[in-house]
PDB file of N, CA and C in Angstrom:
ATOM      1  N   MET A   1     -24.044  -1.201   4.028  1.00  0.00           N
ATOM      2  CA  MET A   1     -24.319  -2.649   4.806  1.00  0.00           C
ATOM      3  C   MET A   1     -22.846  -3.013   5.146  1.00  0.00           C
ATOM      4  N   ALA A   2     -22.460  -3.212   4.065  1.00  0.00           N
ATOM      5  CA  ALA A   2     -21.186  -4.390   4.490  1.00  0.00           C
ATOM      6  C   ALA A   2     -19.973  -3.563   5.142  1.00  0.00           C
ATOM      7  N   GLU A   3     -20.272  -1.999   5.065  1.00  0.00           N
ATOM      8  CA  GLU A   3     -19.178  -1.444   5.702  1.00  0.00           C
ATOM      9  C   GLU A   3     -19.571  -1.433   7.105  1.00  0.00           C
ATOM     10  N   TYR A   4     -20.483  -1.145   7.460  1.00  0.00           N
ATOM     11  CA  TYR A   4     -21.198  -1.388   8.916  1.00  0.00           C
ATOM     12  C   TYR A   4     -20.840  -2.653   9.574  1.00  0.00           C
ATOM     13  N   LEU A   5     -21.052  -3.694   8.845  1.00  0.00           N
ATOM     14  CA  LEU A   5     -20.743  -4.803   9.496  1.00  0.00           C
ATOM     15  C   LEU A   5     -19.629  -5.049   9.408  1.00  0.00           C
ATOM     16  N   VAL A   6     -18.448  -4.676   8.389  1.00  0.00           N
ATOM     17  CA  VAL A   6     -17.065  -4.785   8.758  1.00  0.00           C
ATOM     18  C   VAL A   6     -16.713  -4.184  10.064  1.00  0.00           C
ATOM     19  N   ILE A   7     -16.886  -2.941   9.980  1.00  0.00           N
ATOM     20  CA  ILE A   7     -16.300  -1.909  11.388  1.00  0.00           C
ATOM     21  C   ILE A   7     -16.877  -2.511  12.536  1.00  0.00           C
ATOM     22  N   GLN A   8     -18.278  -3.203  12.370  1.00  0.00           N
ATOM     23  CA  GLN A   8     -18.590  -3.765  14.033  1.00  0.00           C
ATOM     24  C   GLN A   8     -17.891  -4.870  14.183  1.00  0.00           C
ATOM     25  N   HIS A   9     -17.658  -5.792  13.351  1.00  0.00           N
ATOM     26  CA  HIS A   9     -16.926  -7.090  13.574  1.00  0.00           C
ATOM     27  C   HIS A   9     -15.550  -6.858  13.845  1.00  0.00           C
ATOM     28  N   TYR A  10     -14.910  -5.584  13.498  1.00  0.00           N
ATOM     29  CA  TYR A  10     -13.365  -5.581  13.840  1.00  0.00           C
ATOM     30  C   TYR A  10     -13.771  -5.020  15.210  1.00  0.00           C
ATOM     31  N   LYS A  11     -14.323  -4.025  15.348  1.00  0.00           N
ATOM     32  CA  LYS A  11     -14.620  -3.544  16.857  1.00  0.00           C
ATOM     33  C   LYS A  11     -14.795  -4.570  17.780  1.00  0.00           C
ATOM     34  N   ASN A  12     -15.548  -5.636  17.748  1.00  0.00           N
ATOM     35  CA  ASN A  12     -16.147  -6.465  18.573  1.00  0.00           C
ATOM     36  C   ASN A  12     -14.966  -7.499  18.532  1.00  0.00           C
ATOM     37  N   THR A  13     -13.862  -7.601  17.738  1.00  0.00           N
ATOM     38  CA  THR A  13     -12.910  -8.793  17.928  1.00  0.00           C
ATOM     39  C   THR A  13     -12.117  -8.371  18.522  1.00  0.00           C
ATOM     40  N   ALA A  14     -11.360  -8.798  19.322  1.00  0.00           N
ATOM     41  CA  ALA A  14     -10.020  -8.209  20.446  1.00  0.00           C
ATOM     42  C   ALA A  14      -8.770  -8.169  19.264  1.00  0.00           C
ATOM     43  N   SER A  15      -8.463  -9.354  18.565  1.00  0.00           N
ATOM     44  CA  SER A  15      -7.301  -9.464  17.883  1.00  0.00           C
ATOM     45  C   SER A  15      -7.243  -8.685  16.575  1.00  0.00           C
ATOM     46  N   LEU A  16      -8.656  -7.837  16.603  1.00  0.00           N
ATOM     47  CA  LEU A  16      -8.546  -7.121  15.339  1.00  0.00           C
ATOM     48  C   LEU A  16      -8.251  -6.001  15.257  1.00  0.00           C
ATOM     49  N   PRO A  17      -7.973  -4.974  14.674  1.00  0.00           N
ATOM     50  CA  PRO A  17      -7.749  -3.407  15.027  1.00  0.00           C
ATOM     51  C   PRO A  17      -8.960  -2.593  14.968  1.00  0.00           C
ATOM     52  N   ASN A  18      -9.294  -1.757  15.612  1.00  0.00           N
ATOM     53  CA  ASN A  18     -10.121  -0.868  15.635  1.00  0.00           C
ATOM     54  C   ASN A  18     -10.634  -0.080  14.518  1.00  0.00           C
ATOM     55  N   LEU A  19     -11.468  -0.124  13.987  1.00  0.00           N
ATOM     56  CA  LEU A  19     -11.809   0.525  12.781  1.00  0.00           C
ATOM     57  C   LEU A  19     -12.597   1.696  12.758  1.00  0.00           C
ATOM     58  N   GLN A  20     -12.663   2.584  12.272  1.00  0.00           N
ATOM     59  CA  GLN A  20     -13.758   3.785  11.970  1.00  0.00           C
ATOM     60  C   GLN A  20     -13.765   4.114  10.414  1.00  0.00           C
ATOM     61  N   LYS A  21     -15.291   4.621  10.498  1.00  0.00           N
ATOM     62  CA  LYS A  21     -15.456   5.128   9.343  1.00  0.00           C
ATOM     63  C   LYS A  21     -14.568   6.387   8.382  1.00  0.00           C
ATOM     64  N   ALA A  22     -14.289   6.086   7.424  1.00  0.00           N
ATOM     65  CA  ALA A  22     -13.697   7.126   6.623  1.00  0.00           C
ATOM     66  C   ALA A  22     -14.190   8.187   6.666  1.00  0.00           C
ATOM     67  N   PRO A  23     -13.675   9.544   6.384  1.00  0.00           N
ATOM     68  CA  PRO A  23     -14.266  10.744   6.146  1.00  0.00           C
ATOM     69  C   PRO A  23     -15.263  10.632   4.381  1.00  0.00           C
ATOM     70  N   PRO A  24     -16.297  10.909   4.512  1.00  0.00           N
ATOM     71  CA  PRO A  24     -16.860  10.893   3.222  1.00  0.00           C
ATOM     72  C   PRO A  24     -16.017  11.363   2.152  1.00  0.00           C
ATOM     73  N   SER A  25     -16.214  10.935   0.854  1.00  0.00           N
ATOM     74  CA  SER A  25     -15.723  11.230  -0.389  1.00  0.00           C
ATOM     75  C   SER A  25     -14.076  10.858  -0.476  1.00  0.00           C
ATOM     76  N   THR A  26     -13.786   9.913   0.379  1.00  0.00           N
ATOM     77  CA  THR A  26     -12.288   9.408   0.406  1.00  0.00           C
ATOM     78  C   THR A  26     -12.323   8.118  -0.454  1.00  0.00           C
ATOM     79  N   LYS A  27     -11.522   8.648  -1.614  1.00  0.00           N
ATOM     80  CA  LYS A  27     -11.469   7.622  -2.639  1.00  0.00           C
ATOM     81  C   LYS A  27     -10.944   6.430  -2.333  1.00  0.00           C
ATOM     82  N   ASN A  28     -11.636   4.909  -2.524  1.00  0.00           N
ATOM     83  CA  ASN A  28     -11.216   3.909  -2.406  1.00  0.00           C
ATOM     84  C   ASN A  28     -10.961   3.416  -0.885  1.00  0.00           C
ATOM     85  N   VAL A  29     -11.206   4.111   0.077  1.00  0.00           N
ATOM     86  CA  VAL A  29     -11.314   3.880   1.495  1.00  0.00           C
ATOM     87  C   VAL A  29     -12.648   3.990   1.840  1.00  0.00           C
ATOM     88  N   ASP A  30     -12.947   3.041   2.916  1.00  0.00           N
ATOM     89  CA  ASP A  30     -14.282   3.104   3.427  1.00  0.00           C
ATOM     90  C   ASP A  30     -14.018   3.251   4.933  1.00  0.00           C
ATOM     91  N   ALA A  31     -12.785   2.621   5.278  1.00  0.00           N
ATOM     92  CA  ALA A  31     -12.644   2.506   6.846  1.00  0.00           C
ATOM     93  C   ALA A  31     -11.166   2.752   7.136  1.00  0.00           C
ATOM     94  N   MET A  32     -11.016   3.455   8.603  1.00  0.00           N
ATOM     95  CA  MET A  32      -9.601   3.444   8.843  1.00  0.00           C
ATOM     96  C   MET A  32      -9.491   2.961  10.122  1.00  0.00           C
ATOM     97  N   SER A  33      -8.173   2.504  10.500  1.00  0.00           N
ATOM     98  CA  SER A  33      -7.895   1.613  11.779  1.00  0.00           C
ATOM     99  C   SER A  33      -7.293   3.183  12.526  1.00  0.00           C
ATOM    100  N   THR A  34      -7.449   2.934  14.033  1.00  0.00           N
ATOM    101  CA  THR A  34      -6.774   3.736  14.562  1.00  0.00           C
ATOM    102  C   THR A  34      -5.268   4.111  14.401  1.00  0.00           C
ATOM    103  N   GLU A  35      -4.631   3.157  13.904  1.00  0.00           N
ATOM    104  CA  GLU A  35      -3.339   3.219  13.506  1.00  0.00           C
ATOM    105  C   GLU A  35      -2.650   3.928  12.190  1.00  0.00           C
ATOM    106  N   GLY A  36      -4.138   4.197  11.424  1.00  0.00           N
ATOM    107  CA  GLY A  36      -4.099   4.780  10.148  1.00  0.00           C
ATOM    108  C   GLY A  36      -4.079   4.133   9.275  1.00  0.00           C
ATOM    109  N   LYS A  37      -4.181   2.921   9.049  1.00  0.00           N
ATOM    110  CA  LYS A  37      -4.359   1.535   8.120  1.00  0.00           C
ATOM    111  C   LYS A  37      -5.622   2.157   7.225  1.00  0.00           C
ATOM    112  N   ARG A  38      -5.581   2.061   5.925  1.00  0.00           N
ATOM    113  CA  ARG A  38      -6.984   2.241   5.266  1.00  0.00           C
ATOM    114  C   ARG A  38      -7.468   0.932   4.690  1.00  0.00           C
ATOM    115  N   TYR A  39      -8.564   0.636   4.474  1.00  0.00           N
ATOM    116  CA  TYR A  39      -9.551  -0.504   4.381  1.00  0.00           C
ATOM    117  C   TYR A  39     -10.465  -0.049   3.419  1.00  0.00           C
ATOM    118  N   SER A  40     -10.189  -0.968   2.133  1.00  0.00           N
ATOM    119  CA  SER A  40     -11.388  -0.646   1.446  1.00  0.00           C
ATOM    120  C   SER A  40     -12.219  -2.115   1.438  1.00  0.00           C
ATOM    121  N   ILE A  41     -13.753  -1.737   1.403  1.00  0.00           N
ATOM    122  CA  ILE A  41     -14.688  -2.601   1.810  1.00  0.00           C
ATOM    123  C   ILE A  41     -15.876  -3.017   0.611  1.00  0.00           C
ATOM    124  N   LYS A  42     -15.780  -4.318   0.414  1.00  0.00           N
ATOM    125  CA  LYS A  42     -16.439  -4.559  -1.209  1.00  0.00           C
ATOM    126  C   LYS A  42     -17.454  -5.644  -0.172  1.00  0.00           C
ATOM    127  N   SER A  43     -18.512  -5.821  -1.005  1.00  0.00           N
ATOM    128  CA  SER A  43     -19.560  -7.194  -0.688  1.00  0.00           C
ATOM    129  C   SER A  43     -19.810  -7.771  -1.831  1.00  0.00           C
ATOM    130  N   THR A  44     -20.219  -9.138  -1.540  1.00  0.00           N
ATOM    131  CA  THR A  44     -20.764  -9.890  -2.784  1.00  0.00           C
ATOM    132  C   THR A  44     -21.561 -11.286  -2.190  1.00  0.00           C
ATOM    133  N   SER A  45     -22.437 -11.353  -3.176  1.00  0.00           N
ATOM    134  CA  SER A  45     -23.320 -12.635  -3.086  1.00  0.00           C
ATOM    135  C   SER A  45     -23.076 -13.561  -4.189  1.00  0.00           C
ATOM    136  N   THR A  46     -22.336 -13.346  -5.232  1.00  0.00           N
ATOM    137  CA  THR A  46     -21.895 -13.966  -6.334  1.00  0.00           C
ATOM    138  C   THR A  46     -20.416 -14.646  -6.448  1.00  0.00           C
ATOM    139  N   GLY A  47     -19.721 -13.715  -5.425  1.00  0.00           N
ATOM    140  CA  GLY A  47     -18.441 -14.156  -5.534  1.00  0.00           C
ATOM    141  C   GLY A  47     -17.446 -13.163  -6.209  1.00  0.00           C
ATOM    142  N   LEU A  48     -17.881 -12.203  -6.991  1.00  0.00           N
ATOM    143  CA  LEU A  48     -17.169 -11.302  -7.859  1.00  0.00           C
ATOM    144  C   LEU A  48     -17.846  -9.931  -7.202  1.00  0.00           C
ATOM    145  N   THR A  49     -16.643  -9.168  -6.961  1.00  0.00           N
ATOM    146  CA  THR A  49     -16.727  -7.930  -5.939  1.00  0.00           C
ATOM    147  C   THR A  49     -17.480  -6.823  -7.100  1.00  0.00           C
ATOM    148  N   SER A  50     -17.890  -5.892  -6.649  1.00  0.00           N
ATOM    149  CA  SER A  50     -18.102  -4.366  -7.620  1.00  0.00           C
ATOM    150  C   SER A  50     -16.744  -3.881  -7.886  1.00  0.00           C
ATOM    151  N   VAL A  51     -16.880  -3.065  -8.765  1.00  0.00           N
ATOM    152  CA  VAL A  51     -15.650  -2.539  -9.433  1.00  0.00           C
ATOM    153  C   VAL A  51     -14.898  -1.662  -8.672  1.00  0.00           C
ATOM    154  N   PHE A  52     -13.577  -1.461  -8.696  1.00  0.00           N
ATOM    155  CA  PHE A  52     -12.820  -0.313  -7.986  1.00  0.00           C
ATOM    156  C   PHE A  52     -12.853   1.040  -8.752  1.00  0.00           C
ATOM    157  N   HIS A  53     -13.811   1.813  -8.801  1.00  0.00           N
ATOM    158  CA  HIS A  53     -14.262   3.014  -9.680  1.00  0.00           C
ATOM    159  C   HIS A  53     -13.027   3.824  -9.593  1.00  0.00           C
ATOM    160  N   SER A  54     -12.191   3.906  -8.530  1.00  0.00           N
ATOM    161  CA  SER A  54     -11.186   4.971  -8.510  1.00  0.00           C
ATOM    162  C   SER A  54      -9.722   4.646  -8.516  1.00  0.00           C
ATOM    163  N   VAL A  55      -9.982   3.229  -8.658  1.00  0.00           N
ATOM    164  CA  VAL A  55      -8.143   2.326  -8.699  1.00  0.00           C
ATOM    165  C   VAL A  55      -7.804   2.680 -10.515  1.00  0.00           C
ATOM    166  N   ASP A  56      -6.892   3.308 -10.436  1.00  0.00           N
ATOM    167  CA  ASP A  56      -6.521   3.423 -11.981  1.00  0.00           C
ATOM    168  C   ASP A  56      -5.721   2.201 -12.192  1.00  0.00           C
ATOM    169  N   ILE A  57      -6.407   1.563 -13.592  1.00  0.00           N
ATOM    170  CA  ILE A  57      -5.805   0.482 -14.234  1.00  0.00           C
ATOM    171  C   ILE A  57      -4.498   0.468 -14.776  1.00  0.00           C
ATOM    172  N   GLU A  58      -3.649   1.836 -14.562  1.00  0.00           N
ATOM    173  CA  GLU A  58      -2.619   1.951 -15.427  1.00  0.00           C
ATOM    174  C   GLU A  58      -1.525   2.428 -14.360  1.00  0.00           C
ATOM    175  N   SER A  59      -1.824   1.980 -13.050  1.00  0.00           N
ATOM    176  CA  SER A  59      -0.738   2.365 -11.852  1.00  0.00           C
ATOM    177  C   SER A  59      -0.895   1.248 -11.204  1.00  0.00           C
ATOM    178  N   ASN A  60      -0.120   1.019 -10.226  1.00  0.00           N
ATOM    179  CA  ASN A  60       0.080   0.194  -9.109  1.00  0.00           C
ATOM    180  C   ASN A  60       0.463   0.926  -7.881  1.00  0.00           C
ATOM    181  N   GLU A  61       0.137   2.058  -7.821  1.00  0.00           N
ATOM    182  CA  GLU A  61       0.194   3.147  -6.512  1.00  0.00           C
ATOM    183  C   GLU A  61      -0.813   2.642  -5.864  1.00  0.00           C
ATOM    184  N   GLN A  62      -0.138   2.266  -4.286  1.00  0.00           N
ATOM    185  CA  GLN A  62      -0.849   1.774  -3.430  1.00  0.00           C
ATOM    186  C   GLN A  62      -2.230   2.771  -2.922  1.00  0.00           C
ATOM    187  N   GLN A  63      -3.450   2.012  -3.207  1.00  0.00           N
ATOM    188  CA  GLN A  63      -4.590   3.106  -2.651  1.00  0.00           C
ATOM    189  C   GLN A  63      -5.181   2.876  -1.321  1.00  0.00           C
ATOM    190  N   PHE A  64      -5.076   1.700  -0.519  1.00  0.00           N
ATOM    191  CA  PHE A  64      -5.414   1.256   0.646  1.00  0.00           C
ATOM    192  C   PHE A  64      -4.478   0.084   1.073  1.00  0.00           C
ATOM    193  N   GLU A  65      -4.190  -0.414   2.247  1.00  0.00           N
ATOM    194  CA  GLU A  65      -3.518  -0.986   3.186  1.00  0.00           C
ATOM    195  C   GLU A  65      -4.050  -2.718   3.070  1.00  0.00           C
ATOM    196  N   PHE A  66      -5.535  -2.531   2.940  1.00  0.00           N
ATOM    197  CA  PHE A  66      -6.182  -3.879   3.125  1.00  0.00           C
ATOM    198  C   PHE A  66      -7.438  -3.808   2.472  1.00  0.00           C
ATOM    199  N   LEU A  67      -7.954  -4.953   1.811  1.00  0.00           N
ATOM    200  CA  LEU A  67      -9.333  -5.037   1.223  1.00  0.00           C
ATOM    201  C   LEU A  67     -10.236  -6.133   2.237  1.00  0.00           C
ATOM    202  N   VAL A  68     -11.227  -5.883   2.670  1.00  0.00           N
ATOM    203  CA  VAL A  68     -12.096  -6.608   3.173  1.00  0.00           C
ATOM    204  C   VAL A  68     -13.399  -6.989   2.477  1.00  0.00           C
ATOM    205  N   ILE A  69     -13.534  -8.267   2.254  1.00  0.00           N
ATOM    206  CA  ILE A  69     -14.701  -8.647   1.255  1.00  0.00           C
ATOM    207  C   ILE A  69     -15.722  -9.839   2.131  1.00  0.00           C
ATOM    208  N   VAL A  70     -17.079  -9.151   2.209  1.00  0.00           N
ATOM    209  CA  VAL A  70     -18.192  -9.882   2.973  1.00  0.00           C
ATOM    210  C   VAL A  70     -18.629 -10.553   1.756  1.00  0.00           C
ATOM    211  N   LYS A  71     -18.971 -11.912   2.363  1.00  0.00           N
ATOM    212  CA  LYS A  71     -19.398 -12.916   1.143  1.00  0.00           C
ATOM    213  C   LYS A  71     -20.886 -13.281   1.739  1.00  0.00           C
ATOM    214  N   TYR A  72     -21.883 -12.875   0.930  1.00  0.00           N
ATOM    215  CA  TYR A  72     -22.906 -13.193   1.363  1.00  0.00           C
ATOM    216  C   TYR A  72     -23.468 -14.627   0.925  1.00  0.00           C
ATOM    217  N   SER A  73     -24.453 -15.239   1.462  1.00  0.00           N
ATOM    218  CA  SER A  73     -25.192 -16.613   0.714  1.00  0.00           C
ATOM    219  C   SER A  73     -26.197 -15.990  -0.321  1.00  0.00           C
ATOM    220  N   ASP A  74     -26.910 -16.653  -0.589  1.00  0.00           N
ATOM    221  CA  ASP A  74     -28.118 -16.246  -1.729  1.00  0.00           C
ATOM    222  C   ASP A  74     -29.143 -15.642  -0.664  1.00  0.00           C
ATOM    223  N   PHE A  75     -29.074 -15.836   0.194  1.00  0.00           N
ATOM    224  CA  PHE A  75     -30.219 -15.330   1.255  1.00  0.00           C
ATOM    225  C   PHE A  75     -29.542 -14.417   2.131  1.00  0.00           C
ATOM    226  N   TYR A  76     -28.491 -13.553   1.633  1.00  0.00           N
ATOM    227  CA  TYR A  76     -27.655 -12.436   2.225  1.00  0.00           C
ATOM    228  C   TYR A  76     -27.564 -12.750   3.859  1.00  0.00           C
ATOM    229  N   LYS A  77     -26.936 -14.177   4.173  1.00  0.00           N
ATOM    230  CA  LYS A  77     -26.537 -14.249   5.461  1.00  0.00           C
ATOM    231  C   LYS A  77     -24.961 -14.229   5.412  1.00  0.00           C
ATOM    232  N   ILE A  78     -24.376 -13.496   6.021  1.00  0.00           N
ATOM    233  CA  ILE A  78     -23.093 -13.479   6.021  1.00  0.00           C
ATOM    234  C   ILE A  78     -22.310 -15.171   6.097  1.00  0.00           C
ATOM    235  N   GLU A  79     -21.625 -15.369   4.715  1.00  0.00           N
ATOM    236  CA  GLU A  79     -20.930 -16.682   4.831  1.00  0.00           C
ATOM    237  C   GLU A  79     -19.425 -16.709   5.591  1.00  0.00           C
ATOM    238  N   LYS A  80     -18.764 -15.338   5.038  1.00  0.00           N
ATOM    239  CA  LYS A  80     -17.300 -15.035   5.589  1.00  0.00           C
ATOM    240  C   LYS A  80     -16.798 -13.810   5.178  1.00  0.00           C
ATOM    241  N   ILE A  81     -15.859 -13.421   5.943  1.00  0.00           N
ATOM    242  CA  ILE A  81     -15.555 -11.795   5.656  1.00  0.00           C
ATOM    243  C   ILE A  81     -13.705 -12.454   5.624  1.00  0.00           C
ATOM    244  N   VAL A  82     -13.495 -12.005   4.508  1.00  0.00           N
ATOM    245  CA  VAL A  82     -12.221 -12.315   3.804  1.00  0.00           C
ATOM    246  C   VAL A  82     -11.409 -11.154   3.790  1.00  0.00           C
ATOM    247  N   GLU A  83      -9.995 -11.208   4.378  1.00  0.00           N
ATOM    248  CA  GLU A  83      -9.276  -9.801   4.186  1.00  0.00           C
ATOM    249  C   GLU A  83      -8.014  -9.901   3.446  1.00  0.00           C
ATOM    250  N   LEU A  84      -7.638  -9.292   2.357  1.00  0.00           N
ATOM    251  CA  LEU A  84      -6.431  -9.055   1.689  1.00  0.00           C
ATOM    252  C   LEU A  84      -5.597  -7.852   1.827  1.00  0.00           C
ATOM    253  N   ASN A  85      -4.511  -7.892   1.787  1.00  0.00           N
ATOM    254  CA  ASN A  85      -3.504  -6.959   2.023  1.00  0.00           C
ATOM    255  C   ASN A  85      -3.351  -6.532   0.429  1.00  0.00           C
ATOM    256  N   TRP A  86      -2.727  -5.228   0.237  1.00  0.00           N
ATOM    257  CA  TRP A  86      -2.614  -4.709  -0.978  1.00  0.00           C
ATOM    258  C   TRP A  86      -1.593  -5.393  -2.212  1.00  0.00           C
ATOM    259  N   ASN A  87      -0.922  -6.152  -1.615  1.00  0.00           N
ATOM    260  CA  ASN A  87       0.016  -7.037  -2.494  1.00  0.00           C
ATOM    261  C   ASN A  87      -0.613  -8.276  -3.025  1.00  0.00           C
ATOM    262  N   GLN A  88      -1.646  -8.843  -2.268  1.00  0.00           N
ATOM    263  CA  GLN A  88      -2.998 -10.118  -2.255  1.00  0.00           C
ATOM    264  C   GLN A  88      -3.662  -9.297  -3.504  1.00  0.00           C
ATOM    265  N   PHE A  89      -4.169  -8.078  -3.364  1.00  0.00           N
ATOM    266  CA  PHE A  89      -4.986  -7.483  -4.026  1.00  0.00           C
ATOM    267  C   PHE A  89      -4.529  -7.091  -5.557  1.00  0.00           C
ATOM    268  N   LEU A  90      -3.137  -6.938  -5.893  1.00  0.00           N
ATOM    269  CA  LEU A  90      -2.510  -6.571  -6.997  1.00  0.00           C
ATOM    270  C   LEU A  90      -2.367  -8.239  -7.581  1.00  0.00           C
ATOM    271  N   LYS A  91      -2.187  -9.102  -6.854  1.00  0.00           N
ATOM    272  CA  LYS A  91      -1.878 -10.714  -7.287  1.00  0.00           C
ATOM    273  C   LYS A  91      -3.303 -10.838  -7.981  1.00  0.00           C
ATOM    274  N   PHE A  92      -4.324 -10.753  -7.193  1.00  0.00           N
ATOM    275  CA  PHE A  92      -5.773 -11.313  -7.643  1.00  0.00           C
ATOM    276  C   PHE A  92      -6.720 -10.462  -8.523  1.00  0.00           C
ATOM    277  N   ARG A  93      -6.444  -8.986  -8.632  1.00  0.00           N
ATOM    278  CA  ARG A  93      -7.180  -8.278  -9.035  1.00  0.00           C
ATOM    279  C   ARG A  93      -7.191  -8.933 -10.777  1.00  0.00           C
ATOM    280  N   LYS A  94      -8.697  -8.754 -11.333  1.00  0.00           N
ATOM    281  CA  LYS A  94      -8.783  -8.754 -12.637  1.00  0.00           C
ATOM    282  C   LYS A  94      -9.655  -7.615 -13.153  1.00  0.00           C
ATOM    283  N   ILE A  95      -9.541  -7.354 -14.594  1.00  0.00           N
ATOM    284  CA  ILE A  95     -10.333  -6.290 -15.013  1.00  0.00           C
ATOM    285  C   ILE A  95     -11.563  -6.498 -15.455  1.00  0.00           C
ATOM    286  N   LYS A  96     -12.903  -6.441 -15.385  1.00  0.00           N
ATOM    287  CA  LYS A  96     -13.915  -6.401 -15.690  1.00  0.00           C
ATOM    288  C   LYS A  96     -14.729  -5.854 -16.777  1.00  0.00           C
ATOM    289  N   LYS A  97     -14.971  -6.383 -17.823  1.00  0.00           N
ATOM    290  CA  LYS A  97     -15.595  -5.666 -18.572  1.00  0.00           C
ATOM    291  C   LYS A  97     -17.124  -5.502 -18.457  1.00  0.00           C
ATOM    292  N   PRO A  98     -17.785  -4.629 -18.954  1.00  0.00           N
ATOM    293  CA  PRO A  98     -17.168  -3.397 -19.866  1.00  0.00           C
ATOM    294  C   PRO A  98     -16.840  -2.251 -18.996  1.00  0.00           C
ATOM    295  N   GLU A  99     -16.837  -2.353 -17.717  1.00  0.00           N
ATOM    296  CA  GLU A  99     -16.431  -1.225 -16.960  1.00  0.00           C
ATOM    297  C   GLU A  99     -15.088  -0.833 -17.042  1.00  0.00           C
ATOM    298  N   ASN A 100     -14.271  -1.764 -17.650  1.00  0.00           N
ATOM    299  CA  ASN A 100     -12.621  -1.564 -17.424  1.00  0.00           C
ATOM    300  C   ASN A 100     -12.152  -1.394 -16.286  1.00  0.00           C
ATOM    301  N   ARG A 101     -12.500  -1.710 -15.162  1.00  0.00           N
ATOM    302  CA  ARG A 101     -12.190  -1.598 -14.155  1.00  0.00           C
ATOM    303  C   ARG A 101     -11.623  -2.918 -13.106  1.00  0.00           C
ATOM    304  N   TYR A 102     -10.810  -2.971 -12.149  1.00  0.00           N
ATOM    305  CA  TYR A 102     -10.649  -3.833 -11.463  1.00  0.00           C
ATOM    306  C   TYR A 102     -11.685  -4.533 -10.697  1.00  0.00           C
ATOM    307  N   ALA A 103     -11.747  -5.835 -10.450  1.00  0.00           N
ATOM    308  CA  ALA A 103     -12.470  -6.345  -9.638  1.00  0.00           C
ATOM    309  C   ALA A 103     -11.942  -7.498  -8.856  1.00  0.00           C
ATOM    310  N   ILE A 104     -12.495  -8.490  -8.121  1.00  0.00           N
ATOM    311  CA  ILE A 104     -11.699  -9.202  -7.158  1.00  0.00           C
ATOM    312  C   ILE A 104     -12.775 -10.621  -7.333  1.00  0.00           C
ATOM    313  N   SER A 105     -12.522 -11.766  -7.953  1.00  0.00           N
ATOM    314  CA  SER A 105     -13.445 -13.076  -7.853  1.00  0.00           C
ATOM    315  C   SER A 105     -12.843 -13.511  -6.679  1.00  0.00           C
ATOM    316  N   LEU A 106     -13.660 -14.161  -5.623  1.00  0.00           N
ATOM    317  CA  LEU A 106     -13.461 -14.807  -4.685  1.00  0.00           C
ATOM    318  C   LEU A 106     -13.449 -16.098  -5.225  1.00  0.00           C
ATOM    319  N   ASN A 107     -11.767 -16.830  -5.071  1.00  0.00           N
ATOM    320  CA  ASN A 107     -11.662 -18.087  -5.969  1.00  0.00           C
ATOM    321  C   ASN A 107     -11.246 -19.101  -4.968  1.00  0.00           C
ATOM    322  N   SER A 108     -10.830 -20.184  -4.928  1.00  0.00           N
ATOM    323  CA  SER A 108     -10.321 -21.187  -4.298  1.00  0.00           C
ATOM    324  C   SER A 108      -8.719 -20.329  -3.893  1.00  0.00           C
ATOM    325  N   GLN A 109      -8.232 -20.034  -4.848  1.00  0.00           N
ATOM    326  CA  GLN A 109      -6.871 -19.725  -4.647  1.00  0.00           C
ATOM    327  C   GLN A 109      -6.652 -18.265  -3.754  1.00  0.00           C
ATOM    328  N   ILE A 110      -7.587 -17.499  -3.921  1.00  0.00           N
ATOM    329  CA  ILE A 110      -7.624 -16.512  -2.971  1.00  0.00           C
ATOM    330  C   ILE A 110      -7.985 -16.795  -1.666  1.00  0.00           C
ATOM    331  N   LEU A 111      -8.846 -17.873  -1.383  1.00  0.00           N
ATOM    332  CA  LEU A 111      -9.448 -18.170   0.096  1.00  0.00           C
ATOM    333  C   LEU A 111      -8.454 -18.977   0.500  1.00  0.00           C
ATOM    334  N   LYS A 112      -7.201 -19.458   0.048  1.00  0.00           N
ATOM    335  CA  LYS A 112      -6.154 -20.473   0.597  1.00  0.00           C
ATOM    336  C   LYS A 112      -5.337 -19.102   0.743  1.00  0.00           C
ATOM    337  N   GLU A 113      -5.291 -18.221   0.366  1.00  0.00           N
ATOM    338  CA  GLU A 113      -4.082 -17.037   0.591  1.00  0.00           C
ATOM    339  C   GLU A 113      -4.457 -16.057   1.550  1.00  0.00           C
ATOM    340  N   ALA A 114      -5.784 -15.693   1.536  1.00  0.00           N
ATOM    341  CA  ALA A 114      -6.213 -14.522   2.410  1.00  0.00           C
ATOM    342  C   ALA A 114      -6.452 -14.828   3.851  1.00  0.00           C
ATOM    343  N   THR A 115      -6.785 -13.860   4.678  1.00  0.00           N
ATOM    344  CA  THR A 115      -7.123 -13.945   5.864  1.00  0.00           C
ATOM    345  C   THR A 115      -8.709 -13.966   6.023  1.00  0.00           C
ATOM    346  N   ILE A 116      -9.074 -15.261   6.686  1.00  0.00           N
ATOM    347  CA  ILE A 116     -10.366 -15.625   6.814  1.00  0.00           C
ATOM    348  C   ILE A 116     -10.988 -15.300   7.806  1.00  0.00           C
ATOM    349  N   LEU A 117     -12.098 -14.514   8.284  1.00  0.00           N
ATOM    350  CA  LEU A 117     -12.211 -13.815   9.282  1.00  0.00           C
ATOM    351  C   LEU A 117     -13.680 -14.445   9.815  1.00  0.00           C
ATOM    352  N   THR A 118     -13.934 -15.488  10.640  1.00  0.00           N
ATOM    353  CA  THR A 118     -15.091 -16.501  10.681  1.00  0.00           C
ATOM    354  C   THR A 118     -15.727 -16.194  12.138  1.00  0.00           C
ATOM    355  N   ASN A 119     -14.903 -15.382  13.255  1.00  0.00           N
ATOM    356  CA  ASN A 119     -15.422 -15.232  14.341  1.00  0.00           C
ATOM    357  C   ASN A 119     -16.620 -14.085  14.785  1.00  0.00           C
ATOM    358  N   PHE A 120     -17.717 -14.365  14.006  1.00  0.00           N
ATOM    359  CA  PHE A 120     -18.698 -13.326  14.135  1.00  0.00           C
ATOM    360  C   PHE A 120     -19.333 -13.334  15.731  1.00  0.00           C
ATOM    361  N   SER A 121     -19.657 -12.113  16.065  1.00  0.00           N
ATOM    362  CA  SER A 121     -20.259 -11.642  17.257  1.00  0.00           C
ATOM    363  C   SER A 121     -21.543 -11.060  17.113  1.00  0.00           C
ATOM    364  N   TYR A 122     -22.452 -11.074  16.243  1.00  0.00           N
ATOM    365  CA  TYR A 122     -23.290 -10.238  16.180  1.00  0.00           C
ATOM    366  C   TYR A 122     -24.436 -10.947  15.359  1.00  0.00           C
TER     367      TYR A 122
END
């Protein structure tokens, strides 16, 4: 659901790039811009994203250009859409146990530095 909502939001916002769904089985990438930028999309209602299963915790090799997080309220209404670039992802990623994979926790520092997309049109 978050992938669909993000793609629609980008398509319906003139200042944002046009996104399309990434081909099936594309690791760590859920959407791509018409300029070839790769987007990973996550959602959360708790503030902590699901883990990035295919991002190697032993490597900093760039997997995507942007991470987009949809933050839902307790009643699954969209509160905000947050965009991080790869360097911000590297800065804020945390290892989640027991999966031993990266996740992102939407905290006040991330919200200060990230791009907050709030102009919803659906």
